[in-house]
Amino acid sequence: MCMFCAAIPIAATTGITLNGKQIEAKKKAESAGAEKPIPKPIMQITAGAVIVLMIGSVTYHTLTYLP
Protein backbone atom coordinates (compact mmCIF):
# COMPACT_ATOMS: atom_id res chain seq x y z
CA MET A 1 0.00 0.00 0.00
CA CYS A 2 1.42 3.37 -0.95
CA MET A 3 1.87 6.21 1.51
CA PHE A 4 -1.09 8.15 0.08
CA CYS A 5 -3.46 5.18 0.30
CA ALA A 6 -2.37 4.50 3.88
CA ALA A 7 -2.68 8.15 4.93
CA ILE A 8 -6.29 8.64 3.74
CA PRO A 9 -7.98 6.56 6.48
CA ILE A 10 -5.55 7.87 9.09
CA ALA A 11 -6.39 11.49 8.24
CA ALA A 12 -10.12 10.76 8.20
CA THR A 13 -10.03 8.94 11.54
CA THR A 14 -7.98 11.67 13.17
CA GLY A 15 -10.36 14.36 11.96
CA ILE A 16 -13.43 12.48 13.14
CA THR A 17 -11.84 11.90 16.56
CA LEU A 18 -10.88 15.56 16.96
CA ASN A 19 -14.35 16.66 15.91
CA GLY A 20 -15.91 14.30 18.47
CA LYS A 21 -13.70 15.71 21.22
CA GLN A 22 -14.71 19.22 20.21
CA ILE A 23 -18.41 18.34 20.38
CA GLU A 24 -17.88 16.63 23.75
CA ALA A 25 -16.12 19.73 25.15
CA LYS A 26 -18.97 21.92 23.92
CA LYS A 27 -21.57 19.69 25.62
CA LYS A 28 -19.58 19.67 28.88
CA ALA A 29 -19.33 23.46 28.82
CA GLU A 30 -23.07 23.81 28.17
CA SER A 31 -24.00 21.44 31.00
CA ALA A 32 -21.62 23.17 33.43
CA GLY A 33 -22.91 26.61 32.47
CA ALA A 34 -19.44 27.72 31.41
CA GLU A 35 -18.55 29.72 28.35
CA LYS A 36 -18.63 27.70 25.12
CA PRO A 37 -15.25 27.05 23.48
CA ILE A 38 -14.59 28.66 20.13
CA PRO A 39 -15.43 26.12 17.38
CA LYS A 40 -12.68 25.13 14.98
CA PRO A 41 -13.28 24.04 11.36
CA ILE A 42 -11.99 20.51 11.93
CA MET A 43 -14.22 18.71 9.44
CA GLN A 44 -13.47 21.19 6.66
CA ILE A 45 -9.73 20.77 7.23
CA THR A 46 -10.16 16.99 7.34
CA ALA A 47 -12.11 16.99 4.08
CA GLY A 48 -9.42 19.13 2.45
CA ALA A 49 -6.66 16.83 3.65
CA VAL A 50 -8.48 13.73 2.40
CA ILE A 51 -9.11 15.33 -1.00
CA VAL A 52 -5.45 16.35 -1.35
CA LEU A 53 -4.35 12.83 -0.39
CA MET A 54 -6.77 11.29 -2.91
CA ILE A 55 -5.42 13.55 -5.66
CA GLY A 56 -1.89 12.56 -4.67
CA SER A 57 -2.87 8.89 -4.73
CA VAL A 58 -4.46 9.09 -8.17
CA THR A 59 -1.49 11.03 -9.53
CA TYR A 60 1.02 8.60 -8.03
CA HIS A 61 -0.76 5.51 -9.30
CA THR A 62 -1.31 7.02 -12.74
CA LEU A 63 2.32 8.04 -13.17
CA THR A 64 3.63 4.77 -11.75
CA TYR A 65 1.80 2.59 -14.27
CA LEU A 66 2.38 4.65 -17.39
CA PRO A 67 4.58 2.92 -19.99
PDB file of N, CA and C in Angstrom:
ATOM      1  N   MET A   1       0.855  -1.172   0.000  1.00  0.00           N
ATOM      2  CA  MET A   1       0.000   0.000   0.000  1.00  0.00           C
ATOM      3  C   MET A   1       0.900   1.234   0.000  1.00  0.00           C
ATOM      4  N   CYS A   2       0.588   2.175  -0.854  1.00  0.00           N
ATOM      5  CA  CYS A   2       1.420   3.371  -0.951  1.00  0.00           C
ATOM      6  C   CYS A   2       1.136   4.326   0.208  1.00  0.00           C
ATOM      7  N   MET A   3       2.006   5.300   0.370  1.00  0.00           N
ATOM      8  CA  MET A   3       1.871   6.212   1.508  1.00  0.00           C
ATOM      9  C   MET A   3       0.598   7.046   1.421  1.00  0.00           C
ATOM     10  N   PHE A   4       0.149   7.375   0.218  1.00  0.00           N
ATOM     11  CA  PHE A   4      -1.089   8.148   0.078  1.00  0.00           C
ATOM     12  C   PHE A   4      -2.299   7.305   0.475  1.00  0.00           C
ATOM     13  N   CYS A   5      -2.328   6.068  -0.003  1.00  0.00           N
ATOM     14  CA  CYS A   5      -3.460   5.182   0.300  1.00  0.00           C
ATOM     15  C   CYS A   5      -3.529   4.862   1.792  1.00  0.00           C
ATOM     16  N   ALA A   6      -2.386   4.780   2.446  1.00  0.00           N
ATOM     17  CA  ALA A   6      -2.371   4.505   3.880  1.00  0.00           C
ATOM     18  C   ALA A   6      -2.743   5.740   4.691  1.00  0.00           C
ATOM     19  N   ALA A   7      -2.434   6.921   4.182  1.00  0.00           N
ATOM     20  CA  ALA A   7      -2.679   8.152   4.928  1.00  0.00           C
ATOM     21  C   ALA A   7      -4.133   8.600   4.877  1.00  0.00           C
ATOM     22  N   ILE A   8      -4.886   8.190   3.872  1.00  0.00           N
ATOM     23  CA  ILE A   8      -6.285   8.637   3.741  1.00  0.00           C
ATOM     24  C   ILE A   8      -7.125   8.205   4.938  1.00  0.00           C
ATOM     25  N   PRO A   9      -7.168   6.919   5.311  1.00  0.00           N
ATOM     26  CA  PRO A   9      -7.981   6.558   6.477  1.00  0.00           C
ATOM     27  C   PRO A   9      -7.436   7.110   7.789  1.00  0.00           C
ATOM     28  N   ILE A  10      -6.127   7.296   7.871  1.00  0.00           N
ATOM     29  CA  ILE A  10      -5.549   7.866   9.088  1.00  0.00           C
ATOM     30  C   ILE A  10      -5.995   9.313   9.249  1.00  0.00           C
ATOM     31  N   ALA A  11      -5.956  10.087   8.172  1.00  0.00           N
ATOM     32  CA  ALA A  11      -6.389  11.487   8.240  1.00  0.00           C
ATOM     33  C   ALA A  11      -7.877  11.587   8.561  1.00  0.00           C
ATOM     34  N   ALA A  12      -8.678  10.733   7.951  1.00  0.00           N
ATOM     35  CA  ALA A  12     -10.122  10.759   8.201  1.00  0.00           C
ATOM     36  C   ALA A  12     -10.436  10.393   9.649  1.00  0.00           C
ATOM     37  N   THR A  13      -9.795   9.369  10.162  1.00  0.00           N
ATOM     38  CA  THR A  13     -10.033   8.937  11.541  1.00  0.00           C
ATOM     39  C   THR A  13      -9.588   9.998  12.541  1.00  0.00           C
ATOM     40  N   THR A  14      -8.459  10.614  12.283  1.00  0.00           N
ATOM     41  CA  THR A  14      -7.975  11.668  13.174  1.00  0.00           C
ATOM     42  C   THR A  14      -8.933  12.852  13.183  1.00  0.00           C
ATOM     43  N   GLY A  15      -9.416  13.250  12.028  1.00  0.00           N
ATOM     44  CA  GLY A  15     -10.359  14.364  11.958  1.00  0.00           C
ATOM     45  C   GLY A  15     -11.666  14.066  12.662  1.00  0.00           C
ATOM     46  N   ILE A  16     -12.179  12.862  12.489  1.00  0.00           N
ATOM     47  CA  ILE A  16     -13.430  12.479  13.143  1.00  0.00           C
ATOM     48  C   ILE A  16     -13.252  12.449  14.663  1.00  0.00           C
ATOM     49  N   THR A  17     -12.116  11.947  15.124  1.00  0.00           N
ATOM     50  CA  THR A  17     -11.838  11.900  16.560  1.00  0.00           C
ATOM     51  C   THR A  17     -11.733  13.304  17.145  1.00  0.00           C
ATOM     52  N   LEU A  18     -11.015  14.183  16.469  1.00  0.00           N
ATOM     53  CA  LEU A  18     -10.882  15.557  16.956  1.00  0.00           C
ATOM     54  C   LEU A  18     -12.223  16.283  16.962  1.00  0.00           C
ATOM     55  N   ASN A  19     -13.033  16.036  15.955  1.00  0.00           N
ATOM     56  CA  ASN A  19     -14.350  16.659  15.908  1.00  0.00           C
ATOM     57  C   ASN A  19     -15.226  16.148  17.055  1.00  0.00           C
ATOM     58  N   GLY A  20     -15.151  14.864  17.350  1.00  0.00           N
ATOM     59  CA  GLY A  20     -15.913  14.305  18.467  1.00  0.00           C
ATOM     60  C   GLY A  20     -15.489  14.893  19.798  1.00  0.00           C
ATOM     61  N   LYS A  21     -14.185  15.085  19.989  1.00  0.00           N
ATOM     62  CA  LYS A  21     -13.701  15.705  21.219  1.00  0.00           C
ATOM     63  C   LYS A  21     -14.174  17.148  21.331  1.00  0.00           C
ATOM     64  N   GLN A  22     -14.225  17.847  20.203  1.00  0.00           N
ATOM     65  CA  GLN A  22     -14.708  19.223  20.210  1.00  0.00           C
ATOM     66  C   GLN A  22     -16.183  19.279  20.594  1.00  0.00           C
ATOM     67  N   ILE A  23     -16.978  18.383  20.057  1.00  0.00           N
ATOM     68  CA  ILE A  23     -18.405  18.336  20.382  1.00  0.00           C
ATOM     69  C   ILE A  23     -18.593  17.970  21.856  1.00  0.00           C
ATOM     70  N   GLU A  24     -17.798  17.038  22.348  1.00  0.00           N
ATOM     71  CA  GLU A  24     -17.881  16.634  23.753  1.00  0.00           C
ATOM     72  C   GLU A  24     -17.533  17.806  24.680  1.00  0.00           C
ATOM     73  N   ALA A  25     -16.503  18.568  24.339  1.00  0.00           N
ATOM     74  CA  ALA A  25     -16.123  19.725  25.150  1.00  0.00           C
ATOM     75  C   ALA A  25     -17.218  20.781  25.148  1.00  0.00           C
ATOM     76  N   LYS A  26     -17.873  20.954  24.010  1.00  0.00           N
ATOM     77  CA  LYS A  26     -18.969  21.916  23.919  1.00  0.00           C
ATOM     78  C   LYS A  26     -20.130  21.488  24.812  1.00  0.00           C
ATOM     79  N   LYS A  27     -20.473  20.197  24.788  1.00  0.00           N
ATOM     80  CA  LYS A  27     -21.566  19.693  25.624  1.00  0.00           C
ATOM     81  C   LYS A  27     -21.239  19.819  27.108  1.00  0.00           C
ATOM     82  N   LYS A  28     -19.983  19.535  27.483  1.00  0.00           N
ATOM     83  CA  LYS A  28     -19.584  19.675  28.885  1.00  0.00           C
ATOM     84  C   LYS A  28     -19.682  21.127  29.332  1.00  0.00           C
ATOM     85  N   ALA A  29     -19.264  22.040  28.467  1.00  0.00           N
ATOM     86  CA  ALA A  29     -19.326  23.460  28.818  1.00  0.00           C
ATOM     87  C   ALA A  29     -20.772  23.918  28.962  1.00  0.00           C
ATOM     88  N   GLU A  30     -21.652  23.441  28.083  1.00  0.00           N
ATOM     89  CA  GLU A  30     -23.067  23.814  28.165  1.00  0.00           C
ATOM     90  C   GLU A  30     -23.707  23.276  29.440  1.00  0.00           C
ATOM     91  N   SER A  31     -23.384  22.031  29.811  1.00  0.00           N
ATOM     92  CA  SER A  31     -23.996  21.443  30.999  1.00  0.00           C
ATOM     93  C   SER A  31     -23.457  22.066  32.286  1.00  0.00           C
ATOM     94  N   ALA A  32     -22.212  22.542  32.260  1.00  0.00           N
ATOM     95  CA  ALA A  32     -21.624  23.172  33.435  1.00  0.00           C
ATOM     96  C   ALA A  32     -21.972  24.653  33.525  1.00  0.00           C
ATOM     97  N   GLY A  33     -22.565  25.195  32.487  1.00  0.00           N
ATOM     98  CA  GLY A  33     -22.911  26.610  32.467  1.00  0.00           C
ATOM     99  C   GLY A  33     -21.729  27.517  32.187  1.00  0.00           C
ATOM    100  N   ALA A  34     -20.641  26.939  31.723  1.00  0.00           N
ATOM    101  CA  ALA A  34     -19.442  27.722  31.408  1.00  0.00           C
ATOM    102  C   ALA A  34     -19.553  28.293  29.994  1.00  0.00           C
ATOM    103  N   GLU A  35     -18.583  29.123  29.684  1.00  0.00           N
ATOM    104  CA  GLU A  35     -18.546  29.725  28.349  1.00  0.00           C
ATOM    105  C   GLU A  35     -18.193  28.659  27.316  1.00  0.00           C
ATOM    106  N   LYS A  36     -18.870  28.692  26.175  1.00  0.00           N
ATOM    107  CA  LYS A  36     -18.628  27.705  25.120  1.00  0.00           C
ATOM    108  C   LYS A  36     -17.260  27.945  24.481  1.00  0.00           C
ATOM    109  N   PRO A  37     -16.534  26.873  24.180  1.00  0.00           N
ATOM    110  CA  PRO A  37     -15.253  27.052  23.480  1.00  0.00           C
ATOM    111  C   PRO A  37     -15.482  27.504  22.038  1.00  0.00           C
ATOM    112  N   ILE A  38     -14.502  28.179  21.504  1.00  0.00           N
ATOM    113  CA  ILE A  38     -14.588  28.663  20.126  1.00  0.00           C
ATOM    114  C   ILE A  38     -14.491  27.469  19.186  1.00  0.00           C
ATOM    115  N   PRO A  39     -15.480  27.279  18.294  1.00  0.00           N
ATOM    116  CA  PRO A  39     -15.430  26.123  17.380  1.00  0.00           C
ATOM    117  C   PRO A  39     -14.331  26.282  16.334  1.00  0.00           C
ATOM    118  N   LYS A  40     -13.739  25.151  15.988  1.00  0.00           N
ATOM    119  CA  LYS A  40     -12.683  25.125  14.978  1.00  0.00           C
ATOM    120  C   LYS A  40     -13.197  24.340  13.770  1.00  0.00           C
ATOM    121  N   PRO A  41     -12.787  24.721  12.576  1.00  0.00           N
ATOM    122  CA  PRO A  41     -13.280  24.039  11.355  1.00  0.00           C
ATOM    123  C   PRO A  41     -12.578  22.714  11.100  1.00  0.00           C
ATOM    124  N   ILE A  42     -12.725  21.781  12.020  1.00  0.00           N
ATOM    125  CA  ILE A  42     -11.989  20.514  11.934  1.00  0.00           C
ATOM    126  C   ILE A  42     -12.444  19.682  10.741  1.00  0.00           C
ATOM    127  N   MET A  43     -13.739  19.563  10.531  1.00  0.00           N
ATOM    128  CA  MET A  43     -14.224  18.707   9.440  1.00  0.00           C
ATOM    129  C   MET A  43     -13.874  19.283   8.070  1.00  0.00           C
ATOM    130  N   GLN A  44     -13.857  20.599   7.943  1.00  0.00           N
ATOM    131  CA  GLN A  44     -13.468  21.192   6.660  1.00  0.00           C
ATOM    132  C   GLN A  44     -11.984  20.937   6.371  1.00  0.00           C
ATOM    133  N   ILE A  45     -11.163  21.050   7.402  1.00  0.00           N
ATOM    134  CA  ILE A  45      -9.729  20.774   7.235  1.00  0.00           C
ATOM    135  C   ILE A  45      -9.515  19.295   6.915  1.00  0.00           C
ATOM    136  N   THR A  46     -10.267  18.427   7.594  1.00  0.00           N
ATOM    137  CA  THR A  46     -10.162  16.994   7.344  1.00  0.00           C
ATOM    138  C   THR A  46     -10.559  16.663   5.908  1.00  0.00           C
ATOM    139  N   ALA A  47     -11.662  17.241   5.457  1.00  0.00           N
ATOM    140  CA  ALA A  47     -12.106  16.992   4.084  1.00  0.00           C
ATOM    141  C   ALA A  47     -11.058  17.468   3.084  1.00  0.00           C
ATOM    142  N   GLY A  48     -10.473  18.626   3.335  1.00  0.00           N
ATOM    143  CA  GLY A  48      -9.421  19.133   2.453  1.00  0.00           C
ATOM    144  C   GLY A  48      -8.207  18.220   2.420  1.00  0.00           C
ATOM    145  N   ALA A  49      -7.811  17.735   3.587  1.00  0.00           N
ATOM    146  CA  ALA A  49      -6.660  16.833   3.648  1.00  0.00           C
ATOM    147  C   ALA A  49      -6.932  15.533   2.909  1.00  0.00           C
ATOM    148  N   VAL A  50      -8.130  14.981   3.082  1.00  0.00           N
ATOM    149  CA  VAL A  50      -8.477  13.727   2.403  1.00  0.00           C
ATOM    150  C   VAL A  50      -8.513  13.931   0.888  1.00  0.00           C
ATOM    151  N   ILE A  51      -9.052  15.048   0.441  1.00  0.00           N
ATOM    152  CA  ILE A  51      -9.110  15.327  -1.000  1.00  0.00           C
ATOM    153  C   ILE A  51      -7.703  15.466  -1.578  1.00  0.00           C
ATOM    154  N   VAL A  52      -6.831  16.188  -0.872  1.00  0.00           N
ATOM    155  CA  VAL A  52      -5.450  16.346  -1.348  1.00  0.00           C
ATOM    156  C   VAL A  52      -4.744  14.989  -1.403  1.00  0.00           C
ATOM    157  N   LEU A  53      -4.962  14.158  -0.386  1.00  0.00           N
ATOM    158  CA  LEU A  53      -4.352  12.827  -0.387  1.00  0.00           C
ATOM    159  C   LEU A  53      -4.907  11.952  -1.511  1.00  0.00           C
ATOM    160  N   MET A  54      -6.196  12.071  -1.805  1.00  0.00           N
ATOM    161  CA  MET A  54      -6.774  11.292  -2.906  1.00  0.00           C
ATOM    162  C   MET A  54      -6.199  11.743  -4.247  1.00  0.00           C
ATOM    163  N   ILE A  55      -6.031  13.040  -4.420  1.00  0.00           N
ATOM    164  CA  ILE A  55      -5.425  13.551  -5.661  1.00  0.00           C
ATOM    165  C   ILE A  55      -3.990  13.050  -5.777  1.00  0.00           C
ATOM    166  N   GLY A  56      -3.259  13.077  -4.665  1.00  0.00           N
ATOM    167  CA  GLY A  56      -1.894  12.556  -4.671  1.00  0.00           C
ATOM    168  C   GLY A  56      -1.855  11.075  -4.998  1.00  0.00           C
ATOM    169  N   SER A  57      -2.808  10.321  -4.468  1.00  0.00           N
ATOM    170  CA  SER A  57      -2.869   8.887  -4.730  1.00  0.00           C
ATOM    171  C   SER A  57      -3.152   8.601  -6.196  1.00  0.00           C
ATOM    172  N   VAL A  58      -4.124   9.291  -6.750  1.00  0.00           N
ATOM    173  CA  VAL A  58      -4.461   9.090  -8.168  1.00  0.00           C
ATOM    174  C   VAL A  58      -3.276   9.474  -9.050  1.00  0.00           C
ATOM    175  N   THR A  59      -2.638  10.582  -8.742  1.00  0.00           N
ATOM    176  CA  THR A  59      -1.485  11.026  -9.531  1.00  0.00           C
ATOM    177  C   THR A  59      -0.345  10.016  -9.436  1.00  0.00           C
ATOM    178  N   TYR A  60      -0.066   9.560  -8.215  1.00  0.00           N
ATOM    179  CA  TYR A  60       1.019   8.605  -8.028  1.00  0.00           C
ATOM    180  C   TYR A  60       0.746   7.299  -8.788  1.00  0.00           C
ATOM    181  N   HIS A  61      -0.459   6.774  -8.637  1.00  0.00           N
ATOM    182  CA  HIS A  61      -0.758   5.510  -9.295  1.00  0.00           C
ATOM    183  C   HIS A  61      -0.839   5.653 -10.821  1.00  0.00           C
ATOM    184  N   THR A  62      -1.239   6.805 -11.294  1.00  0.00           N
ATOM    185  CA  THR A  62      -1.307   7.019 -12.738  1.00  0.00           C
ATOM    186  C   THR A  62       0.107   7.112 -13.317  1.00  0.00           C
ATOM    187  N   LEU A  63       0.966   7.874 -12.660  1.00  0.00           N
ATOM    188  CA  LEU A  63       2.322   8.039 -13.169  1.00  0.00           C
ATOM    189  C   LEU A  63       3.171   6.790 -12.995  1.00  0.00           C
ATOM    190  N   THR A  64       2.861   5.992 -12.000  1.00  0.00           N
ATOM    191  CA  THR A  64       3.634   4.768 -11.750  1.00  0.00           C
ATOM    192  C   THR A  64       3.388   3.723 -12.837  1.00  0.00           C
ATOM    193  N   TYR A  65       2.160   3.648 -13.317  1.00  0.00           N
ATOM    194  CA  TYR A  65       1.801   2.590 -14.265  1.00  0.00           C
ATOM    195  C   TYR A  65       1.806   3.031 -15.714  1.00  0.00           C
ATOM    196  N   LEU A  66       2.278   4.233 -16.003  1.00  0.00           N
ATOM    197  CA  LEU A  66       2.384   4.654 -17.394  1.00  0.00           C
ATOM    198  C   LEU A  66       3.582   3.950 -18.036  1.00  0.00           C
ATOM    199  N   PRO A  67       3.454   3.622 -19.312  1.00  0.00           N
ATOM    200  CA  PRO A  67       4.576   2.921 -19.988  1.00  0.00           C
ATOM    201  C   PRO A  67       5.773   3.811 -20.214  1.00  0.00           C
TER     202      PRO A  67
END
